[in-house]
Amino acid sequence: MKTATYQMEELSCPSCIKKIEKALSKQEGVEDVKVLFNSGKVKVTYQEGEVNPNQYKEILTKLGYPVLSTKIN
């Protein structure tokens, strides 16, 4: 498994967390989603080789949450 960490531009409310977790949890290959509200980070643990983590970045952007940077571990 791999983890992609997305540094977000802004996460302004608790409902943002639910919206992001719900959208990403539905994606193929996703094992876990953690939204770190105070640091503005979203961590997605996923099955390596099944998906491209850039897909998750696109979903976040479409939801209205611009991604500043991405780190893959």
N, C-alpha and C. Protein backbone atom coordinates (compact mmCIF):
# COMPACT_ATOMS: atom_id res chain seq x y z
N MET A 1 0.84 -1.18 0.00
CA MET A 1 0.00 0.00 0.00
C MET A 1 0.87 1.24 0.00
N LYS A 2 0.34 2.29 -0.58
CA LYS A 2 1.02 3.58 -0.65
C LYS A 2 0.12 4.62 0.01
N THR A 3 0.74 5.75 0.37
CA THR A 3 -0.01 6.86 0.93
C THR A 3 0.32 8.12 0.14
N ALA A 4 -0.73 8.81 -0.28
CA ALA A 4 -0.58 10.10 -0.93
C ALA A 4 -1.06 11.16 0.05
N THR A 5 -0.24 12.19 0.26
CA THR A 5 -0.61 13.29 1.14
C THR A 5 -0.76 14.54 0.31
N TYR A 6 -1.91 15.15 0.40
CA TYR A 6 -2.22 16.36 -0.37
C TYR A 6 -2.29 17.54 0.58
N GLN A 7 -1.50 18.55 0.30
CA GLN A 7 -1.56 19.80 1.07
C GLN A 7 -2.61 20.67 0.40
N MET A 8 -3.63 21.01 1.15
CA MET A 8 -4.76 21.74 0.61
C MET A 8 -4.60 23.24 0.81
N GLU A 9 -5.26 24.00 -0.06
CA GLU A 9 -5.25 25.45 0.07
C GLU A 9 -6.03 25.89 1.30
N GLU A 10 -7.21 25.30 1.48
CA GLU A 10 -8.01 25.66 2.65
C GLU A 10 -9.01 24.56 2.97
N LEU A 11 -9.22 24.36 4.25
CA LEU A 11 -10.28 23.50 4.76
C LEU A 11 -10.94 24.32 5.85
N SER A 12 -12.10 24.87 5.53
CA SER A 12 -12.68 25.88 6.41
C SER A 12 -13.77 25.40 7.36
N CYS A 13 -14.21 24.15 7.23
CA CYS A 13 -15.29 23.72 8.10
C CYS A 13 -15.32 22.20 8.27
N PRO A 14 -15.93 21.73 9.35
CA PRO A 14 -16.02 20.29 9.57
C PRO A 14 -16.79 19.55 8.47
N SER A 15 -17.74 20.22 7.84
CA SER A 15 -18.48 19.55 6.76
C SER A 15 -17.57 19.29 5.56
N CYS A 16 -16.50 20.07 5.43
CA CYS A 16 -15.52 19.84 4.37
C CYS A 16 -14.89 18.46 4.54
N ILE A 17 -14.60 18.12 5.78
CA ILE A 17 -13.98 16.83 6.08
C ILE A 17 -14.87 15.69 5.62
N LYS A 18 -16.13 15.74 5.96
CA LYS A 18 -17.07 14.69 5.58
C LYS A 18 -17.20 14.59 4.06
N LYS A 19 -17.27 15.72 3.41
CA LYS A 19 -17.42 15.76 1.95
C LYS A 19 -16.21 15.10 1.27
N ILE A 20 -15.02 15.44 1.72
CA ILE A 20 -13.79 14.88 1.15
C ILE A 20 -13.69 13.39 1.45
N GLU A 21 -13.90 13.01 2.70
CA GLU A 21 -13.80 11.59 3.08
C GLU A 21 -14.80 10.74 2.30
N LYS A 22 -16.00 11.22 2.15
CA LYS A 22 -17.03 10.47 1.44
C LYS A 22 -16.66 10.29 -0.03
N ALA A 23 -16.22 11.35 -0.69
CA ALA A 23 -15.88 11.29 -2.11
C ALA A 23 -14.69 10.38 -2.37
N LEU A 24 -13.65 10.49 -1.56
CA LEU A 24 -12.45 9.70 -1.79
C LEU A 24 -12.63 8.24 -1.37
N SER A 25 -13.39 7.99 -0.32
CA SER A 25 -13.60 6.63 0.16
C SER A 25 -14.31 5.76 -0.87
N LYS A 26 -15.07 6.37 -1.75
CA LYS A 26 -15.80 5.65 -2.79
C LYS A 26 -14.91 5.21 -3.94
N GLN A 27 -13.72 5.73 -4.03
CA GLN A 27 -12.85 5.47 -5.17
C GLN A 27 -12.20 4.09 -5.10
N GLU A 28 -12.05 3.49 -6.26
CA GLU A 28 -11.42 2.17 -6.35
C GLU A 28 -9.99 2.22 -5.81
N GLY A 29 -9.64 1.23 -5.03
CA GLY A 29 -8.29 1.12 -4.52
C GLY A 29 -8.02 1.85 -3.22
N VAL A 30 -8.95 2.67 -2.77
CA VAL A 30 -8.76 3.44 -1.53
C VAL A 30 -9.00 2.56 -0.32
N GLU A 31 -8.02 2.51 0.57
CA GLU A 31 -8.12 1.75 1.80
C GLU A 31 -8.53 2.63 2.99
N ASP A 32 -8.03 3.89 3.00
CA ASP A 32 -8.30 4.77 4.13
C ASP A 32 -8.13 6.23 3.69
N VAL A 33 -8.92 7.10 4.28
CA VAL A 33 -8.82 8.55 4.04
C VAL A 33 -8.81 9.24 5.39
N LYS A 34 -7.83 10.11 5.59
CA LYS A 34 -7.77 10.92 6.81
C LYS A 34 -7.62 12.38 6.40
N VAL A 35 -8.49 13.21 6.93
CA VAL A 35 -8.41 14.65 6.69
C VAL A 35 -7.91 15.29 7.98
N LEU A 36 -6.77 15.95 7.90
CA LEU A 36 -6.17 16.62 9.05
C LEU A 36 -6.51 18.10 8.95
N PHE A 37 -7.62 18.44 9.57
CA PHE A 37 -8.21 19.77 9.45
C PHE A 37 -7.24 20.89 9.80
N ASN A 38 -6.58 20.78 10.93
CA ASN A 38 -5.69 21.86 11.40
C ASN A 38 -4.49 22.10 10.51
N SER A 39 -3.97 21.04 9.90
CA SER A 39 -2.79 21.20 9.04
C SER A 39 -3.17 21.34 7.57
N GLY A 40 -4.44 21.15 7.24
CA GLY A 40 -4.89 21.29 5.86
C GLY A 40 -4.40 20.17 4.95
N LYS A 41 -4.22 18.98 5.52
CA LYS A 41 -3.73 17.85 4.74
C LYS A 41 -4.79 16.77 4.61
N VAL A 42 -4.73 16.09 3.47
CA VAL A 42 -5.57 14.94 3.23
C VAL A 42 -4.63 13.78 2.93
N LYS A 43 -4.77 12.67 3.69
CA LYS A 43 -3.94 11.48 3.49
C LYS A 43 -4.81 10.35 2.97
N VAL A 44 -4.41 9.80 1.83
CA VAL A 44 -5.14 8.71 1.21
C VAL A 44 -4.23 7.49 1.13
N THR A 45 -4.64 6.40 1.77
CA THR A 45 -3.92 5.15 1.68
C THR A 45 -4.63 4.31 0.62
N TYR A 46 -3.86 3.83 -0.36
CA TYR A 46 -4.46 3.16 -1.50
C TYR A 46 -3.61 1.97 -1.95
N GLN A 47 -4.23 1.11 -2.74
CA GLN A 47 -3.55 -0.06 -3.30
C GLN A 47 -2.66 0.40 -4.45
N GLU A 48 -1.38 0.17 -4.31
CA GLU A 48 -0.42 0.57 -5.34
C GLU A 48 -0.69 -0.22 -6.63
N GLY A 49 -0.60 0.47 -7.75
CA GLY A 49 -0.77 -0.17 -9.04
C GLY A 49 -2.20 -0.21 -9.54
N GLU A 50 -3.17 -0.03 -8.65
CA GLU A 50 -4.57 -0.07 -9.07
C GLU A 50 -5.06 1.27 -9.59
N VAL A 51 -4.48 2.34 -9.09
CA VAL A 51 -4.93 3.68 -9.47
C VAL A 51 -3.74 4.63 -9.54
N ASN A 52 -3.98 5.75 -10.17
CA ASN A 52 -3.00 6.83 -10.22
C ASN A 52 -3.42 7.85 -9.16
N PRO A 53 -2.54 8.19 -8.22
CA PRO A 53 -2.93 9.12 -7.15
C PRO A 53 -3.31 10.50 -7.67
N ASN A 54 -2.97 10.82 -8.91
CA ASN A 54 -3.40 12.10 -9.48
C ASN A 54 -4.91 12.15 -9.65
N GLN A 55 -5.54 10.97 -9.73
CA GLN A 55 -7.00 10.92 -9.81
C GLN A 55 -7.62 11.51 -8.54
N TYR A 56 -7.03 11.23 -7.41
CA TYR A 56 -7.55 11.76 -6.15
C TYR A 56 -7.39 13.28 -6.12
N LYS A 57 -6.26 13.77 -6.63
CA LYS A 57 -6.03 15.21 -6.70
C LYS A 57 -7.11 15.88 -7.55
N GLU A 58 -7.45 15.26 -8.68
CA GLU A 58 -8.49 15.80 -9.55
C GLU A 58 -9.84 15.84 -8.84
N ILE A 59 -10.14 14.82 -8.07
CA ILE A 59 -11.41 14.79 -7.33
C ILE A 59 -11.45 15.92 -6.32
N LEU A 60 -10.36 16.11 -5.58
CA LEU A 60 -10.31 17.20 -4.60
C LEU A 60 -10.52 18.56 -5.27
N THR A 61 -9.90 18.75 -6.42
CA THR A 61 -10.03 20.01 -7.15
C THR A 61 -11.47 20.21 -7.61
N LYS A 62 -12.09 19.16 -8.13
CA LYS A 62 -13.49 19.24 -8.59
C LYS A 62 -14.45 19.54 -7.44
N LEU A 63 -14.10 19.08 -6.24
CA LEU A 63 -14.93 19.36 -5.07
C LEU A 63 -14.78 20.81 -4.60
N GLY A 64 -13.78 21.52 -5.15
CA GLY A 64 -13.58 22.91 -4.78
C GLY A 64 -12.46 23.13 -3.78
N TYR A 65 -11.58 22.13 -3.64
CA TYR A 65 -10.47 22.23 -2.70
C TYR A 65 -9.14 22.13 -3.46
N PRO A 66 -8.58 23.27 -3.84
CA PRO A 66 -7.31 23.25 -4.60
C PRO A 66 -6.18 22.59 -3.81
N VAL A 67 -5.40 21.79 -4.51
CA VAL A 67 -4.26 21.09 -3.92
C VAL A 67 -2.99 21.90 -4.21
N LEU A 68 -2.26 22.23 -3.16
CA LEU A 68 -1.01 22.99 -3.31
C LEU A 68 0.17 22.09 -3.64
N SER A 69 0.20 20.90 -3.03
CA SER A 69 1.31 19.97 -3.29
C SER A 69 0.86 18.55 -2.97
N THR A 70 1.61 17.60 -3.52
CA THR A 70 1.33 16.18 -3.32
C THR A 70 2.60 15.46 -2.95
N LYS A 71 2.52 14.59 -1.97
CA LYS A 71 3.67 13.77 -1.57
C LYS A 71 3.22 12.32 -1.56
N ILE A 72 3.98 11.45 -2.24
CA ILE A 72 3.66 10.03 -2.30
C ILE A 72 4.68 9.27 -1.47
N ASN A 73 4.20 8.43 -0.57
CA ASN A 73 5.08 7.58 0.26
C ASN A 73 4.82 6.12 -0.08
